[in-house]
Amino acid sequence: MHQHDPRESQADRLRRRLQERQDRMAKNTRPRISPFTLLSIVVILILLFIVRGGA
């Protein structure tokens, strides 16, 4: 069995934990739509509905 240096394994754990946190943050921020974008889409749809309904 190969004996690992405790400091090396701790560095590996910290590096892996940091990578997992970055992956989680990237996953969380990617699909999310900002409230301003959502509000803009809703307003445009309402305007289109009013214009088409009135015409």
N, C-alpha and C. Protein backbone atom coordinates (compact mmCIF):
# COMPACT_ATOMS: atom_id res chain seq x y z
N MET A 1 0.84 -1.19 0.00
CA MET A 1 0.00 0.00 0.00
C MET A 1 0.88 1.25 0.00
N HIS A 2 0.48 2.21 -0.80
CA HIS A 2 1.22 3.46 -0.88
C HIS A 2 0.72 4.41 0.20
N GLN A 3 1.67 4.94 0.98
CA GLN A 3 1.30 5.86 2.06
C GLN A 3 1.22 7.29 1.53
N HIS A 4 0.07 7.94 1.73
CA HIS A 4 -0.10 9.32 1.27
C HIS A 4 0.36 10.30 2.33
N ASP A 5 0.87 11.44 1.86
CA ASP A 5 1.21 12.53 2.77
C ASP A 5 -0.09 13.17 3.25
N PRO A 6 -0.30 13.28 4.56
CA PRO A 6 -1.57 13.85 5.07
C PRO A 6 -1.85 15.25 4.52
N ARG A 7 -0.79 16.05 4.37
CA ARG A 7 -1.00 17.41 3.84
C ARG A 7 -1.45 17.35 2.40
N GLU A 8 -0.93 16.40 1.63
CA GLU A 8 -1.32 16.27 0.23
C GLU A 8 -2.78 15.84 0.13
N SER A 9 -3.20 14.90 0.97
CA SER A 9 -4.59 14.45 0.92
C SER A 9 -5.52 15.58 1.36
N GLN A 10 -5.08 16.38 2.33
CA GLN A 10 -5.91 17.50 2.76
C GLN A 10 -6.03 18.53 1.63
N ALA A 11 -4.94 18.79 0.93
CA ALA A 11 -4.98 19.72 -0.20
C ALA A 11 -5.89 19.17 -1.29
N ASP A 12 -5.83 17.85 -1.52
CA ASP A 12 -6.71 17.24 -2.52
C ASP A 12 -8.17 17.38 -2.12
N ARG A 13 -8.45 17.18 -0.82
CA ARG A 13 -9.84 17.33 -0.35
C ARG A 13 -10.32 18.77 -0.54
N LEU A 14 -9.46 19.74 -0.17
CA LEU A 14 -9.85 21.14 -0.31
C LEU A 14 -10.07 21.50 -1.77
N ARG A 15 -9.18 20.99 -2.64
CA ARG A 15 -9.30 21.27 -4.08
C ARG A 15 -10.60 20.67 -4.63
N ARG A 16 -10.90 19.43 -4.21
CA ARG A 16 -12.12 18.77 -4.69
C ARG A 16 -13.36 19.51 -4.17
N ARG A 17 -13.33 19.94 -2.90
CA ARG A 17 -14.47 20.66 -2.33
C ARG A 17 -14.69 21.99 -3.06
N LEU A 18 -13.59 22.68 -3.39
CA LEU A 18 -13.69 23.95 -4.12
C LEU A 18 -14.27 23.71 -5.51
N GLN A 19 -13.82 22.65 -6.17
CA GLN A 19 -14.32 22.33 -7.51
C GLN A 19 -15.81 21.99 -7.46
N GLU A 20 -16.23 21.23 -6.45
CA GLU A 20 -17.64 20.88 -6.32
C GLU A 20 -18.48 22.14 -6.09
N ARG A 21 -17.97 23.07 -5.27
CA ARG A 21 -18.70 24.31 -5.01
C ARG A 21 -18.82 25.14 -6.30
N GLN A 22 -17.74 25.20 -7.09
CA GLN A 22 -17.79 25.95 -8.35
C GLN A 22 -18.77 25.30 -9.32
N ASP A 23 -18.77 23.98 -9.38
CA ASP A 23 -19.70 23.27 -10.26
C ASP A 23 -21.14 23.54 -9.84
N ARG A 24 -21.39 23.51 -8.52
CA ARG A 24 -22.73 23.76 -8.01
C ARG A 24 -23.18 25.19 -8.34
N MET A 25 -22.28 26.16 -8.17
CA MET A 25 -22.63 27.54 -8.48
C MET A 25 -22.89 27.72 -9.98
N ALA A 26 -22.09 27.09 -10.82
CA ALA A 26 -22.28 27.19 -12.27
C ALA A 26 -23.62 26.56 -12.65
N LYS A 27 -23.95 25.45 -12.02
CA LYS A 27 -25.22 24.78 -12.33
C LYS A 27 -26.40 25.63 -11.88
N ASN A 28 -26.25 26.30 -10.72
CA ASN A 28 -27.35 27.11 -10.20
C ASN A 28 -27.57 28.38 -11.01
N THR A 29 -26.51 29.00 -11.50
CA THR A 29 -26.67 30.29 -12.17
C THR A 29 -27.02 30.12 -13.64
N ARG A 30 -26.75 28.98 -14.24
CA ARG A 30 -26.94 28.84 -15.69
C ARG A 30 -28.42 28.93 -16.10
N PRO A 31 -29.32 28.11 -15.57
CA PRO A 31 -30.70 28.11 -16.10
C PRO A 31 -31.60 29.20 -15.53
N ARG A 32 -31.14 29.93 -14.52
CA ARG A 32 -32.00 30.89 -13.84
C ARG A 32 -32.24 32.12 -14.71
N ILE A 33 -33.50 32.58 -14.75
CA ILE A 33 -33.88 33.78 -15.49
C ILE A 33 -34.06 34.91 -14.49
N SER A 34 -33.48 36.06 -14.80
CA SER A 34 -33.59 37.20 -13.88
C SER A 34 -35.03 37.71 -13.86
N PRO A 35 -35.47 38.27 -12.74
CA PRO A 35 -36.85 38.80 -12.64
C PRO A 35 -37.12 39.87 -13.69
N PHE A 36 -36.12 40.70 -14.00
CA PHE A 36 -36.31 41.75 -15.00
C PHE A 36 -36.60 41.16 -16.37
N THR A 37 -35.86 40.11 -16.74
CA THR A 37 -36.09 39.45 -18.03
C THR A 37 -37.49 38.84 -18.07
N LEU A 38 -37.89 38.19 -16.99
CA LEU A 38 -39.21 37.57 -16.93
C LEU A 38 -40.30 38.63 -17.04
N LEU A 39 -40.14 39.74 -16.33
CA LEU A 39 -41.12 40.83 -16.38
C LEU A 39 -41.21 41.41 -17.78
N SER A 40 -40.07 41.57 -18.44
CA SER A 40 -40.07 42.11 -19.80
C SER A 40 -40.83 41.20 -20.76
N ILE A 41 -40.62 39.89 -20.64
CA ILE A 41 -41.32 38.93 -21.50
C ILE A 41 -42.82 39.02 -21.26
N VAL A 42 -43.24 39.10 -20.01
CA VAL A 42 -44.66 39.18 -19.68
C VAL A 42 -45.27 40.46 -20.25
N VAL A 43 -44.59 41.59 -20.10
CA VAL A 43 -45.10 42.86 -20.62
C VAL A 43 -45.23 42.81 -22.14
N ILE A 44 -44.24 42.27 -22.82
CA ILE A 44 -44.30 42.17 -24.28
C ILE A 44 -45.47 41.29 -24.71
N LEU A 45 -45.67 40.17 -24.03
CA LEU A 45 -46.78 39.29 -24.38
C LEU A 45 -48.12 39.98 -24.16
N ILE A 46 -48.25 40.73 -23.07
CA ILE A 46 -49.51 41.45 -22.80
C ILE A 46 -49.75 42.51 -23.88
N LEU A 47 -48.69 43.26 -24.24
CA LEU A 47 -48.84 44.27 -25.29
C LEU A 47 -49.25 43.63 -26.62
N LEU A 48 -48.61 42.52 -26.96
CA LEU A 48 -48.97 41.83 -28.20
C LEU A 48 -50.43 41.38 -28.18
N PHE A 49 -50.85 40.86 -27.03
CA PHE A 49 -52.24 40.39 -26.90
C PHE A 49 -53.22 41.55 -27.06
N ILE A 50 -52.91 42.70 -26.44
CA ILE A 50 -53.79 43.87 -26.54
C ILE A 50 -53.83 44.39 -27.99
N VAL A 51 -52.66 44.50 -28.62
CA VAL A 51 -52.60 45.01 -29.99
C VAL A 51 -53.36 44.08 -30.95
N ARG A 52 -53.14 42.79 -30.83
CA ARG A 52 -53.82 41.85 -31.74
C ARG A 52 -55.31 41.78 -31.43
N GLY A 53 -55.66 41.87 -30.16
CA GLY A 53 -57.09 41.83 -29.79
C GLY A 53 -57.83 43.08 -30.24
N GLY A 54 -57.17 44.23 -30.17
CA GLY A 54 -57.79 45.48 -30.55
C GLY A 54 -57.88 45.68 -32.05
N ALA A 55 -56.98 45.07 -32.79
CA ALA A 55 -56.93 45.32 -34.23
C ALA A 55 -57.95 44.54 -35.00
